[in-house]
Amino acid sequence: MREDTIPTLFLSRVQKYSDRVALRKKEYGIWKDILWKEYGENVKYVSLGLIALGLKKGERVTLIGENRPEWLYADLGIMAAGGITSAIYTTNSPEQCEYIIEHSEARFHIAEDEEQLDKVLRVRTNLPKLEKTIVIDMEGLKHFNDPMVMSFEDLIKLGRDLEEKYPDLFETRLNEAKPEDTALLIYTSGTTGPPKGAMLSHANIVWTTGAINDALPLYDTDEVLSFLPLSHIAERMFSVFLAIRYGYTVNFIENTDTVTQNMVEVSPTVFFAVPRIWEKYSSTITIRMSESTLLKKLVYHLSLKIGGKITDLKLTRGNAPFLWRIIYLVARFSAFRKLKERLGFDRVRLAISAAAPISPDVLQYYHSIGIPLREIYGQTEDCGPTSVHLGDDIKIGTVGQAVPGVQIKIAEDGEILVKGPNVFQGYFKNPEATHETLIDGWLHSGDVGELDEKGYLRITDRKKDLIITAGGKNIAPQNIENQLKFSPYINDAIVIGDGRKYLTALIMIDEDNVVKYAQDNRIPFTTYSDLSKNTEIKRLITTEVEKVNKTMASVETIKKFTIFDRRLDQEGGELTPTMKVKRKYINEMYKEIIESMYSGR
């Protein structure tokens, strides 16, 4: 059987694993198993339903919703019908949804619920090509009547009816897809302008699923927890494409508020998260341990030191002496075993951070407590992975070596260039941007970095984010920001200083940990804004900044900082859906505050 497109690979797995659990979803307090054969049936009927509506090969279908089985049915159903899925982040505004639906020329749109439907209804007059919106969850829409709107249930019924007339149509249409056909249209987060639609082919994705296993072995016995946005290529890889390739089980969270609880219940063997999640877990552990008994604190800190020593020995020499390994086993049993169980990390064998840079200190910390966290570097335009820590060959401070089959080189100006079967087809309806990004088959990443003699890649920063001070010194703000974010009291930091005499920073406090600190120290407050303006909290953050300054060269030290008086979020426009800071937007929004740190006001 063919396995050279996503639909043919999926059909092969449905036949191979028919009666095994493919997906799991918690509803009303009970985890519900979905077998591969059920998964396959639902994808088939969504596909046939779209064909019944008139979907033609190569047409785009937009999709918006939280992580749930129906999202996967829709995604794979679109591709099986010969369509191209264009997923939209649930946090997008109606205007942002309008842009993607209009630019992709979608005739069909799939929305999760009433909230997501409302976004389209508000801008429908600007979308003359949109013919039908299919709603997955019709709660609150029982008496809603609109010829443009239909339920997901009715779409599946259309598919069943079409199968009765043409029983071979599904497999016929599915097998018409060619490896070089576009499978996905992924719109970038638009940190520097309107989103661009990156086109990824079936061949791009299928090749990537095979190549990544050479670096990160995956098995059909693995369990993953799906909670990051499926619109992002990294989560899509782990929850959809790699799961299809290797046949493991995907568990969907109840909602975004139950991630930590569901993590403990599932206890996944493979856990993928963005740096902000890893940073949050480590700061939570730090604060929890500070509240423990004196004996527990002593055991934890001693075990952490032993873990750190073992990590250094393993990563530099390849292994630790026998005596150190025995001591570490005692430390793991006495301090880390229960800790990992409480967090749901007790079965994790592959821990992965991606989608943004992570501090080397955070990586070192997790290795010290027995969680072998590794980093994947890449971008949408190369299906997610460019480089990764291969096997146990982890070099902290780098993002590993090229994924087998991928070439990496450094341009004269330091930009990282990538070539391989995973590199995208170009930007939809944007030849200028395509020609700027793809030159002679090399993907220009926009990141600056360096390769060592063994092929380990070190990321310096985004090319456009490098700071050149008034004195002409080149500084990578990312490294300083990551050091600041390692503090349990700092959630985010933006270093400023381009064309300036010295560096300053905008800092967002970690609300949970700072609230705890304020309560423990009887500091009065009622709101987040109160906390951010409190002199004792300012003193706390000053101490954390000074700790980082001591590790930096004089020109890299933060001379002044301001604490944000509000939380940064996606709705406010400061963060991308993967929780990366929109630096340019923040520089514009907070320019008066920034100027005050240089004018002495």
Protein backbone atom coordinates (compact mmCIF):
# COMPACT_ATOMS: atom_id res chain seq x y z
CA MET A 1 0.00 0.00 0.00
CA ARG A 2 1.16 3.54 -0.78
CA GLU A 3 2.40 5.65 2.12
CA ASP A 4 3.71 8.67 0.20
CA THR A 5 0.91 11.11 1.07
CA ILE A 6 -0.73 11.90 4.39
CA PRO A 7 -4.09 10.28 3.47
CA THR A 8 -2.48 7.06 2.14
CA LEU A 9 -0.26 6.85 5.22
CA PHE A 10 -3.32 7.36 7.42
CA LEU A 11 -5.35 4.67 5.62
CA SER A 12 -2.45 2.24 6.01
CA ARG A 13 -2.33 2.86 9.78
CA VAL A 14 -6.10 2.47 10.16
CA GLN A 15 -5.83 -0.95 8.56
CA LYS A 16 -2.76 -1.92 10.61
CA TYR A 17 -4.00 -0.76 14.04
CA SER A 18 -7.76 -1.09 13.53
CA ASP A 19 -8.73 -2.17 17.08
CA ARG A 20 -6.09 -0.25 19.00
CA VAL A 21 -6.64 3.10 20.72
CA ALA A 22 -5.72 6.04 18.49
CA LEU A 23 -7.20 8.97 20.42
CA ARG A 24 -8.47 9.63 23.91
CA LYS A 25 -10.69 12.49 25.06
CA LYS A 26 -11.91 13.31 28.56
CA GLU A 27 -15.60 14.17 28.69
CA TYR A 28 -17.68 14.65 31.83
CA GLY A 29 -14.84 13.31 33.96
CA ILE A 30 -14.33 10.07 31.99
CA TRP A 31 -11.60 9.30 29.47
CA LYS A 32 -13.15 7.98 26.25
CA ASP A 33 -11.13 5.76 23.89
CA ILE A 34 -11.39 6.19 20.13
CA LEU A 35 -10.08 3.25 18.12
CA TRP A 36 -8.18 3.60 14.86
CA LYS A 37 -11.13 2.14 12.93
CA GLU A 38 -13.46 4.81 14.42
CA TYR A 39 -10.87 7.47 13.62
CA GLY A 40 -10.77 6.20 10.03
CA GLU A 41 -14.57 6.10 9.68
CA ASN A 42 -14.95 9.69 10.85
CA VAL A 43 -12.22 10.96 8.52
CA LYS A 44 -13.87 9.10 5.63
CA TYR A 45 -17.30 10.62 6.22
CA VAL A 46 -15.94 14.16 6.66
CA SER A 47 -14.03 13.72 3.41
CA LEU A 48 -17.08 12.42 1.52
CA GLY A 49 -19.26 15.12 3.08
CA LEU A 50 -16.96 17.83 1.71
CA ILE A 51 -16.93 16.13 -1.70
CA ALA A 52 -20.76 16.12 -1.59
CA LEU A 53 -20.68 19.87 -0.92
CA GLY A 54 -18.53 20.32 -4.02
CA LEU A 55 -14.96 20.53 -2.70
CA LYS A 56 -12.53 20.25 -5.61
CA LYS A 57 -8.97 18.94 -5.60
CA GLY A 58 -6.50 21.66 -4.58
CA GLU A 59 -9.07 23.95 -2.93
CA ARG A 60 -8.36 25.41 0.50
CA VAL A 61 -10.62 24.75 3.50
CA THR A 62 -10.13 26.82 6.66
CA LEU A 63 -10.41 25.27 10.12
CA ILE A 64 -10.58 26.88 13.57
CA GLY A 65 -10.98 25.16 16.94
CA GLU A 66 -9.37 23.88 20.11
CA ASN A 67 -7.64 20.50 20.25
CA ARG A 68 -10.21 17.72 19.97
CA PRO A 69 -10.76 14.56 17.87
CA GLU A 70 -13.10 16.38 15.46
CA TRP A 71 -10.28 18.79 14.58
CA LEU A 72 -8.25 15.81 13.36
CA TYR A 73 -11.23 14.32 11.51
CA ALA A 74 -11.65 17.62 9.70
CA ASP A 75 -7.95 18.13 8.97
CA LEU A 76 -7.42 14.65 7.52
CA GLY A 77 -10.85 14.61 5.87
CA ILE A 78 -9.98 17.77 3.94
CA MET A 79 -6.71 16.25 2.70
CA ALA A 80 -8.32 12.89 1.86
CA ALA A 81 -10.79 14.77 -0.36
CA GLY A 82 -7.86 16.38 -2.18
CA GLY A 83 -8.21 19.69 -0.36
CA ILE A 84 -5.65 21.82 1.47
CA THR A 85 -6.14 22.57 5.17
CA SER A 86 -5.55 26.12 6.35
CA ALA A 87 -5.83 26.20 10.14
CA ILE A 88 -6.57 29.38 12.09
CA TYR A 89 -5.64 30.11 15.71
CA THR A 90 -8.65 30.26 18.05
CA THR A 91 -7.28 33.51 19.50
CA ASN A 92 -7.49 35.28 16.14
CA SER A 93 -9.85 38.24 15.87
CA PRO A 94 -12.70 38.30 13.32
CA GLU A 95 -10.56 40.54 11.10
CA GLN A 96 -7.61 38.13 11.26
CA CYS A 97 -9.93 35.22 10.41
CA GLU A 98 -11.32 37.25 7.52
CA TYR A 99 -7.82 37.84 6.13
CA ILE A 100 -6.95 34.12 6.07
CA ILE A 101 -10.32 32.97 4.69
CA GLU A 102 -10.25 35.67 2.00
CA HIS A 103 -6.56 35.27 1.10
CA SER A 104 -6.81 31.47 0.92
CA GLU A 105 -9.96 31.78 -1.24
CA ALA A 106 -11.74 29.22 0.93
CA ARG A 107 -15.29 28.25 -0.05
CA PHE A 108 -15.72 26.09 3.05
CA HIS A 109 -14.88 26.92 6.65
CA ILE A 110 -15.05 24.61 9.69
CA ALA A 111 -15.57 26.29 13.07
CA GLU A 112 -15.58 24.63 16.48
CA ASP A 113 -18.50 26.35 18.18
CA GLU A 114 -20.74 29.39 18.49
CA GLU A 115 -17.86 31.65 19.56
CA GLN A 116 -15.80 30.82 16.48
CA LEU A 117 -18.85 30.95 14.20
CA ASP A 118 -19.64 34.47 15.44
CA LYS A 119 -16.25 35.68 14.20
CA VAL A 120 -17.09 34.65 10.65
CA LEU A 121 -20.66 35.95 10.80
CA ARG A 122 -19.33 39.38 11.78
CA VAL A 123 -17.22 39.62 8.61
CA ARG A 124 -19.26 37.48 6.19
CA THR A 125 -20.13 40.47 3.97
CA ASN A 126 -16.41 40.76 3.19
CA LEU A 127 -16.17 37.08 2.20
CA PRO A 128 -18.14 36.69 -1.05
CA LYS A 129 -16.43 33.37 -1.93
CA LEU A 130 -17.34 31.68 1.35
CA GLU A 131 -20.26 29.30 0.73
CA LYS A 132 -20.62 27.20 3.85
CA THR A 133 -19.48 27.21 7.48
CA ILE A 134 -19.62 23.84 9.25
CA VAL A 135 -19.91 23.95 13.05
CA ILE A 136 -18.55 21.08 15.17
CA ASP A 137 -20.32 21.86 18.46
CA MET A 138 -23.84 23.24 17.95
CA GLU A 139 -24.47 24.02 21.63
CA GLY A 140 -26.38 27.31 21.81
CA LEU A 141 -27.26 27.08 18.11
CA LYS A 142 -30.19 24.65 18.30
CA HIS A 143 -32.69 27.15 16.89
CA PHE A 144 -30.17 29.03 14.74
CA ASN A 145 -31.13 28.96 11.07
CA ASP A 146 -28.83 30.25 8.36
CA PRO A 147 -28.37 28.74 4.88
CA MET A 148 -24.61 29.34 5.11
CA VAL A 149 -24.29 27.31 8.33
CA MET A 150 -24.53 23.54 8.82
CA SER A 151 -23.54 21.15 11.60
CA PHE A 152 -20.58 18.77 11.58
CA GLU A 153 -23.08 16.00 12.25
CA ASP A 154 -24.95 16.87 9.05
CA LEU A 155 -21.67 16.94 7.13
CA ILE A 156 -20.95 13.37 8.28
CA LYS A 157 -24.49 12.34 7.28
CA LEU A 158 -23.84 13.77 3.81
CA GLY A 159 -20.72 11.62 3.68
CA ARG A 160 -22.59 8.47 4.71
CA ASP A 161 -25.25 9.10 2.07
CA LEU A 162 -22.61 9.62 -0.62
CA GLU A 163 -20.84 6.37 0.34
CA GLU A 164 -24.08 4.43 -0.19
CA LYS A 165 -24.20 5.70 -3.78
CA TYR A 166 -20.46 5.48 -4.49
CA PRO A 167 -18.82 2.98 -2.10
CA ASP A 168 -15.37 3.27 -3.72
CA LEU A 169 -15.27 7.06 -3.99
CA PHE A 170 -13.34 7.69 -0.75
CA GLU A 171 -10.36 5.51 -1.64
CA THR A 172 -10.44 6.63 -5.28
CA ARG A 173 -10.27 10.31 -4.31
CA LEU A 174 -7.73 9.65 -1.56
CA ASN A 175 -5.39 7.87 -3.98
CA GLU A 176 -5.53 10.73 -6.49
CA ALA A 177 -3.26 12.83 -4.25
CA LYS A 178 0.37 13.02 -5.33
CA PRO A 179 3.36 13.52 -2.99
CA GLU A 180 4.15 16.89 -4.59
CA ASP A 181 0.61 18.23 -4.04
CA THR A 182 0.18 20.94 -1.40
CA ALA A 183 -1.29 19.50 1.81
CA LEU A 184 -1.21 22.44 4.22
CA LEU A 185 -1.36 26.19 4.02
CA ILE A 186 0.00 27.57 7.29
CA TYR A 187 -0.18 31.29 7.91
CA THR A 188 2.71 32.72 9.91
CA SER A 189 1.91 34.65 13.07
CA GLY A 190 2.56 37.97 11.35
CA THR A 191 4.99 39.53 13.84
CA THR A 192 6.36 41.82 11.11
CA GLY A 193 3.35 42.38 8.84
CA PRO A 194 0.40 40.55 7.27
CA PRO A 195 0.58 36.76 7.69
CA LYS A 196 2.16 34.81 4.84
CA GLY A 197 0.72 31.43 3.82
CA ALA A 198 3.47 28.79 3.79
CA MET A 199 2.68 25.87 1.46
CA LEU A 200 3.79 22.43 2.66
CA SER A 201 3.46 19.37 0.42
CA HIS A 202 2.56 15.80 1.33
CA ALA A 203 6.15 14.87 0.48
CA ASN A 204 7.50 17.54 2.87
CA ILE A 205 5.48 16.18 5.77
CA VAL A 206 5.82 12.44 5.10
CA TRP A 207 9.60 12.77 4.71
CA THR A 208 9.85 14.78 7.94
CA THR A 209 7.93 12.16 9.94
CA GLY A 210 10.47 9.57 8.85
CA ALA A 211 13.57 11.71 9.36
CA ILE A 212 12.67 12.85 12.86
CA ASN A 213 12.49 9.26 14.09
CA ASP A 214 16.20 8.88 13.36
CA ALA A 215 16.75 11.52 16.03
CA LEU A 216 13.80 10.89 18.35
CA PRO A 217 12.68 7.24 18.33
CA LEU A 218 8.90 6.95 18.60
CA TYR A 219 6.85 3.79 19.16
CA ASP A 220 3.23 2.67 18.86
CA THR A 221 3.19 2.22 22.66
CA ASP A 222 3.85 5.92 23.28
CA GLU A 223 1.31 8.34 24.76
CA VAL A 224 1.27 12.10 24.13
CA LEU A 225 -0.81 14.94 25.58
CA SER A 226 -2.21 17.37 23.01
CA PHE A 227 -2.73 20.87 24.39
CA LEU A 228 -0.77 23.42 22.34
CA PRO A 229 -2.51 24.98 19.29
CA LEU A 230 -2.92 22.49 16.45
CA SER A 231 -2.66 25.42 14.05
CA HIS A 232 1.08 25.43 14.80
CA ILE A 233 3.22 23.02 12.79
CA ALA A 234 5.05 21.65 15.85
CA GLU A 235 1.89 20.51 17.70
CA ARG A 236 0.41 19.30 14.41
CA MET A 237 3.49 17.12 13.91
CA PHE A 238 3.21 15.48 17.34
CA SER A 239 -0.59 15.18 17.54
CA VAL A 240 -1.38 14.30 13.93
CA PHE A 241 1.42 13.36 11.55
CA LEU A 242 3.92 11.59 13.81
CA ALA A 243 1.02 9.82 15.55
CA ILE A 244 -0.13 8.53 12.16
CA ARG A 245 3.37 7.46 11.18
CA TYR A 246 4.14 5.58 14.41
CA GLY A 247 0.69 4.63 15.67
CA TYR A 248 0.90 6.05 19.19
CA THR A 249 -2.03 7.37 21.25
CA VAL A 250 -2.94 11.07 21.41
CA ASN A 251 -4.72 12.31 24.56
CA PHE A 252 -6.71 15.55 24.38
CA ILE A 253 -6.99 17.82 27.42
CA GLU A 254 -10.44 18.79 28.75
CA ASN A 255 -9.64 22.50 28.45
CA THR A 256 -6.69 24.84 28.89
CA ASP A 257 -7.32 25.11 32.64
CA THR A 258 -6.89 21.37 33.21
CA VAL A 259 -3.49 20.81 31.54
CA THR A 260 -1.62 20.09 34.79
CA GLN A 261 -4.39 17.78 36.06
CA ASN A 262 -4.66 15.92 32.73
CA MET A 263 -0.87 15.65 32.58
CA VAL A 264 -0.89 13.71 35.86
CA GLU A 265 -3.80 11.50 34.73
CA VAL A 266 -2.24 10.58 31.38
CA SER A 267 1.42 10.49 32.47
CA PRO A 268 2.64 10.68 28.85
CA THR A 269 5.79 9.01 27.59
CA VAL A 270 6.48 11.84 25.12
CA PHE A 271 5.89 15.44 26.20
CA PHE A 272 6.29 18.41 23.88
CA ALA A 273 5.90 22.00 25.10
CA VAL A 274 7.08 25.53 24.34
CA PRO A 275 9.77 27.12 26.57
CA ARG A 276 7.24 29.17 28.53
CA ILE A 277 5.60 25.93 29.78
CA TRP A 278 8.95 24.42 30.79
CA GLU A 279 9.93 27.66 32.54
CA LYS A 280 6.61 27.73 34.38
CA TYR A 281 7.00 24.15 35.62
CA SER A 282 10.54 24.81 36.88
CA SER A 283 9.57 28.03 38.68
CA THR A 284 6.56 26.26 40.25
CA ILE A 285 8.84 23.51 41.58
CA THR A 286 11.28 26.10 42.94
CA ILE A 287 8.56 27.95 44.83
CA ARG A 288 6.95 24.73 46.12
CA MET A 289 10.27 23.50 47.47
CA SER A 290 10.85 26.83 49.22
CA GLU A 291 7.68 26.10 51.25
CA SER A 292 8.77 22.59 52.26
CA THR A 293 10.18 21.48 55.59
CA LEU A 294 13.85 22.14 56.28
CA LEU A 295 14.70 18.45 55.79
CA LYS A 296 12.89 18.26 52.43
CA LYS A 297 14.61 21.45 51.27
CA LEU A 298 18.02 20.08 52.23
CA VAL A 299 17.37 16.77 50.45
CA TYR A 300 16.07 18.55 47.33
CA HIS A 301 18.96 21.02 47.04
CA LEU A 302 21.55 18.33 47.73
CA SER A 303 19.92 16.05 45.14
CA LEU A 304 19.82 18.94 42.66
CA LYS A 305 23.56 19.50 43.11
CA ILE A 306 24.23 15.79 42.62
CA GLY A 307 21.97 15.79 39.54
CA GLY A 308 23.82 18.80 38.16
CA LYS A 309 27.18 17.08 38.65
CA ILE A 310 25.92 13.88 36.97
CA THR A 311 24.52 15.93 34.08
CA ASP A 312 27.87 17.68 33.56
CA LEU A 313 29.74 14.36 33.63
CA LYS A 314 27.31 12.64 31.24
CA LEU A 315 27.23 15.51 28.76
CA THR A 316 30.98 16.11 28.76
CA ARG A 317 32.38 12.58 29.18
CA GLY A 318 29.47 10.51 27.89
CA ASN A 319 28.97 8.81 31.26
CA ALA A 320 29.51 9.29 34.98
CA PRO A 321 31.69 7.17 37.28
CA PHE A 322 29.93 4.22 38.94
CA LEU A 323 29.97 5.78 42.43
CA TRP A 324 28.35 8.99 41.19
CA ARG A 325 25.65 6.98 39.44
CA ILE A 326 24.85 5.13 42.67
CA ILE A 327 24.65 8.43 44.58
CA TYR A 328 22.38 9.85 41.87
CA LEU A 329 20.05 6.83 42.03
CA VAL A 330 19.59 7.52 45.73
CA ALA A 331 18.94 11.20 44.97
CA ARG A 332 16.38 10.34 42.29
CA PHE A 333 14.54 7.99 44.60
CA SER A 334 14.58 10.30 47.63
CA ALA A 335 13.80 13.64 45.96
CA PHE A 336 12.82 13.42 42.31
CA ARG A 337 10.63 10.31 41.98
CA LYS A 338 7.66 11.71 43.94
CA LEU A 339 8.19 15.15 42.43
CA LYS A 340 7.91 13.78 38.88
CA GLU A 341 4.84 11.71 39.80
CA ARG A 342 3.06 14.81 41.15
CA LEU A 343 3.77 16.63 37.88
CA GLY A 344 2.93 13.72 35.57
CA PHE A 345 6.52 13.34 34.37
CA ASP A 346 7.14 9.90 35.87
CA ARG A 347 6.86 8.06 32.51
CA VAL A 348 8.36 10.73 30.24
CA ARG A 349 11.22 9.31 28.17
CA LEU A 350 11.22 12.04 25.49
CA ALA A 351 10.89 15.63 26.70
CA ILE A 352 10.99 18.23 23.94
CA SER A 353 11.06 22.02 23.81
CA ALA A 354 10.44 23.83 20.52
CA ALA A 355 8.81 26.85 18.80
CA ALA A 356 11.03 29.37 20.66
CA PRO A 357 14.51 29.50 22.25
CA ILE A 358 14.90 28.05 25.75
CA SER A 359 17.47 29.02 28.37
CA PRO A 360 20.40 26.59 28.81
CA ASP A 361 19.78 26.91 32.56
CA VAL A 362 16.28 25.47 32.12
CA LEU A 363 17.65 22.54 30.08
CA GLN A 364 20.33 21.92 32.72
CA TYR A 365 17.71 22.00 35.49
CA TYR A 366 15.51 19.32 33.91
CA HIS A 367 18.46 17.06 33.19
CA SER A 368 19.48 17.43 36.84
CA ILE A 369 16.12 16.12 38.07
CA GLY A 370 16.16 13.23 35.60
CA ILE A 371 14.04 14.60 32.75
CA PRO A 372 16.18 14.50 29.56
CA LEU A 373 14.81 17.68 27.98
CA ARG A 374 16.08 18.37 24.48
CA GLU A 375 15.49 21.18 22.04
CA ILE A 376 14.23 21.13 18.46
CA TYR A 377 15.00 24.14 16.28
CA GLY A 378 13.08 24.90 13.11
CA GLN A 379 10.25 26.88 11.59
CA THR A 380 7.00 26.46 9.70
CA GLU A 381 8.83 26.75 6.39
CA ASP A 382 10.73 23.50 6.98
CA CYS A 383 7.89 21.51 8.59
CA GLY A 384 9.16 22.25 12.10
CA PRO A 385 12.54 20.54 12.54
CA THR A 386 15.90 21.82 11.25
CA SER A 387 18.11 20.52 14.04
CA VAL A 388 17.69 18.43 17.17
CA HIS A 389 19.73 16.80 19.91
CA LEU A 390 20.34 13.37 18.37
CA GLY A 391 19.82 10.40 20.68
CA ASP A 392 21.68 10.97 23.96
CA ASP A 393 24.13 13.33 22.27
CA ILE A 394 22.94 16.52 23.97
CA LYS A 395 25.10 19.64 24.06
CA ILE A 396 23.44 22.26 26.24
CA GLY A 397 23.69 25.76 24.78
CA THR A 398 23.13 24.44 21.25
CA VAL A 399 20.03 23.26 19.40
CA GLY A 400 21.74 20.05 18.38
CA GLN A 401 22.76 18.88 14.92
CA ALA A 402 20.94 18.84 11.59
CA VAL A 403 18.07 16.39 11.31
CA PRO A 404 19.42 13.49 9.17
CA GLY A 405 18.95 14.46 5.51
CA VAL A 406 18.89 18.22 6.20
CA GLN A 407 21.78 20.53 5.28
CA ILE A 408 22.66 23.61 7.34
CA LYS A 409 25.15 26.32 6.45
CA ILE A 410 25.91 29.80 7.74
CA ALA A 411 25.83 32.75 5.32
CA GLU A 412 28.49 35.47 5.37
CA ASP A 413 26.25 37.71 7.48
CA GLY A 414 25.68 34.88 9.98
CA GLU A 415 22.19 33.90 8.81
CA ILE A 416 21.27 30.22 9.12
CA LEU A 417 20.44 28.63 5.75
CA VAL A 418 18.63 25.30 5.41
CA LYS A 419 18.17 22.84 2.55
CA GLY A 420 16.36 19.51 2.53
CA PRO A 421 13.22 17.56 1.51
CA ASN A 422 11.37 19.28 4.38
CA VAL A 423 11.73 22.79 2.93
CA PHE A 424 8.42 24.30 1.86
CA GLN A 425 7.06 25.06 -1.62
CA GLY A 426 6.83 28.82 -1.10
CA TYR A 427 4.30 31.40 0.05
CA PHE A 428 0.78 31.26 -1.39
CA LYS A 429 0.14 34.12 -3.85
CA ASN A 430 3.35 35.86 -2.73
CA PRO A 431 6.20 35.24 -5.20
CA GLU A 432 8.23 38.20 -3.90
CA ALA A 433 8.39 36.83 -0.35
CA THR A 434 9.10 33.36 -1.74
CA HIS A 435 12.06 34.62 -3.79
CA GLU A 436 13.44 36.47 -0.76
CA THR A 437 13.18 33.40 1.47
CA LEU A 438 14.05 30.59 -0.97
CA ILE A 439 17.26 31.21 -2.92
CA ASP A 440 18.78 28.37 -4.96
CA GLY A 441 16.88 25.86 -2.82
CA TRP A 442 18.24 27.30 0.43
CA LEU A 443 15.73 28.49 3.02
CA HIS A 444 16.86 31.77 4.59
CA SER A 445 15.73 31.31 8.18
CA GLY A 446 16.00 34.89 9.43
CA ASP A 447 17.99 33.56 12.40
CA VAL A 448 21.64 34.23 13.11
CA GLY A 449 23.83 31.44 14.43
CA GLU A 450 27.03 29.45 14.21
CA LEU A 451 28.08 25.85 13.61
CA ASP A 452 30.91 24.22 15.54
CA GLU A 453 33.34 21.66 14.13
CA LYS A 454 31.00 18.78 15.06
CA GLY A 455 27.97 20.36 13.41
CA TYR A 456 26.25 21.60 16.57
CA LEU A 457 24.15 24.66 15.85
CA ARG A 458 24.08 27.59 18.25
CA ILE A 459 21.37 30.22 17.75
CA THR A 460 22.44 33.79 18.42
CA ASP A 461 19.13 35.55 17.80
CA ARG A 462 16.65 36.60 15.17
CA LYS A 463 18.57 38.58 12.54
CA LYS A 464 16.22 41.53 12.87
CA ASP A 465 16.37 41.49 16.69
CA LEU A 466 20.14 41.93 17.12
CA ILE A 467 20.99 45.06 19.08
CA ILE A 468 23.78 47.39 17.97
CA THR A 469 24.48 49.85 20.78
CA ALA A 470 25.51 53.48 20.31
CA GLY A 471 29.07 52.29 20.97
CA GLY A 472 28.84 49.82 18.07
CA LYS A 473 28.66 46.66 20.19
CA ASN A 474 26.57 43.79 18.75
CA ILE A 475 24.38 42.18 21.42
CA ALA A 476 21.96 39.25 21.16
CA PRO A 477 19.05 40.13 23.49
CA GLN A 478 17.69 36.58 23.47
CA ASN A 479 20.47 35.22 25.68
CA ILE A 480 19.96 37.93 28.31
CA GLU A 481 16.17 37.52 28.20
CA ASN A 482 16.44 33.75 28.70
CA GLN A 483 18.69 34.27 31.73
CA LEU A 484 16.15 36.69 33.23
CA LYS A 485 13.25 34.30 32.59
CA PHE A 486 15.01 31.57 34.55
CA SER A 487 14.06 33.55 37.67
CA PRO A 488 10.87 32.13 39.24
CA TYR A 489 9.62 35.71 39.61
CA ILE A 490 10.04 36.79 35.96
CA ASN A 491 7.62 35.52 33.31
CA ASP A 492 8.92 37.50 30.36
CA ALA A 493 11.57 40.08 29.53
CA ILE A 494 12.27 42.29 26.53
CA VAL A 495 15.74 43.81 26.34
CA ILE A 496 15.99 47.24 24.68
CA GLY A 497 19.12 49.05 23.50
CA ASP A 498 19.42 49.36 19.72
CA GLY A 499 21.26 52.64 19.03
CA ARG A 500 21.32 53.43 22.77
CA LYS A 501 24.17 53.97 25.23
CA TYR A 502 23.06 51.15 27.54
CA LEU A 503 20.58 48.30 27.85
CA THR A 504 17.21 48.46 29.57
CA ALA A 505 14.44 45.90 29.96
CA LEU A 506 10.68 45.62 30.12
CA ILE A 507 9.74 42.87 32.56
CA MET A 508 6.52 40.95 33.16
CA ILE A 509 6.39 39.34 36.58
CA ASP A 510 5.34 35.73 37.16
CA GLU A 511 1.98 36.43 38.76
CA ASP A 512 1.54 33.18 40.72
CA ASN A 513 4.99 33.26 42.29
CA VAL A 514 5.04 37.00 42.98
CA VAL A 515 1.57 36.80 44.57
CA LYS A 516 2.89 34.01 46.80
CA TYR A 517 5.93 36.12 47.69
CA ALA A 518 3.70 39.10 48.52
CA GLN A 519 1.43 36.98 50.73
CA ASP A 520 4.38 35.40 52.55
CA ASN A 521 5.90 38.83 53.19
CA ARG A 522 2.60 40.54 54.05
CA ILE A 523 2.82 42.96 51.15
CA PRO A 524 -0.64 44.53 50.59
CA PHE A 525 -2.11 44.43 47.07
CA THR A 526 -5.45 43.98 45.34
CA THR A 527 -4.59 43.89 41.63
CA TYR A 528 -1.81 42.87 39.26
CA SER A 529 -1.11 46.57 38.72
CA ASP A 530 -0.65 47.05 42.49
CA LEU A 531 1.94 44.29 42.55
CA SER A 532 3.87 45.67 39.59
CA LYS A 533 4.14 49.13 41.21
CA ASN A 534 5.00 47.97 44.73
CA THR A 535 8.46 49.09 45.91
CA GLU A 536 9.19 45.77 47.65
CA ILE A 537 8.32 43.84 44.49
CA LYS A 538 10.56 46.23 42.53
CA ARG A 539 13.32 45.41 45.02
CA LEU A 540 12.71 41.67 44.52
CA ILE A 541 12.99 41.99 40.73
CA THR A 542 16.07 44.24 41.09
CA THR A 543 17.77 41.42 42.99
CA GLU A 544 16.89 38.96 40.20
CA VAL A 545 18.19 41.35 37.51
CA GLU A 546 21.43 41.91 39.45
CA LYS A 547 21.98 38.13 39.62
CA VAL A 548 21.89 38.00 35.82
CA ASN A 549 24.03 41.13 35.45
CA LYS A 550 26.82 39.43 37.41
CA THR A 551 27.07 36.76 34.71
CA MET A 552 27.20 39.26 31.82
CA ALA A 553 29.87 41.47 30.28
CA SER A 554 29.57 45.11 31.35
CA VAL A 555 28.05 46.20 28.03
CA GLU A 556 25.40 43.44 28.32
CA THR A 557 24.15 44.41 31.79
CA ILE A 558 20.67 45.85 32.33
CA LYS A 559 21.04 49.37 33.71
CA LYS A 560 17.33 50.12 34.18
CA PHE A 561 14.08 48.20 33.91
CA THR A 562 10.34 48.76 34.09
CA ILE A 563 7.76 46.23 35.24
CA PHE A 564 4.66 45.97 33.04
CA ASP A 565 1.55 47.04 34.94
CA ARG A 566 -0.59 44.58 32.98
CA ARG A 567 -0.26 41.02 31.69
CA LEU A 568 0.99 40.54 28.15
CA ASP A 569 -1.36 38.36 26.12
CA GLN A 570 -2.46 37.40 22.63
CA GLU A 571 -5.67 39.42 22.83
CA GLY A 572 -3.64 42.55 23.56
CA GLY A 573 -1.48 41.87 20.52
CA GLU A 574 1.78 41.48 22.47
CA LEU A 575 2.17 37.69 22.09
CA THR A 576 1.93 35.26 19.19
CA PRO A 577 -0.24 32.13 19.64
CA THR A 578 2.92 30.21 20.62
CA MET A 579 3.55 32.81 23.33
CA LYS A 580 6.48 34.54 21.64
CA VAL A 581 6.76 38.28 22.26
CA LYS A 582 6.01 40.59 19.33
CA ARG A 583 9.06 42.78 19.88
CA LYS A 584 8.28 45.41 17.25
CA TYR A 585 4.71 45.84 18.51
CA ILE A 586 5.89 46.22 22.13
CA ASN A 587 8.56 48.76 21.14
CA GLU A 588 5.83 50.87 19.54
CA MET A 589 3.19 50.38 22.23
CA TYR A 590 5.52 51.17 25.13
CA LYS A 591 7.80 53.75 23.49
CA GLU A 592 7.07 56.40 26.14
CA ILE A 593 8.04 54.01 28.94
CA ILE A 594 11.17 53.02 27.00
CA GLU A 595 12.14 56.65 26.43
CA SER A 596 11.68 57.40 30.13
CA MET A 597 14.39 54.83 30.95
CA TYR A 598 16.83 56.79 28.77
CA SER A 599 15.76 60.35 29.56
CA GLY A 600 15.98 59.97 33.35
CA ARG A 601 12.27 60.63 33.87
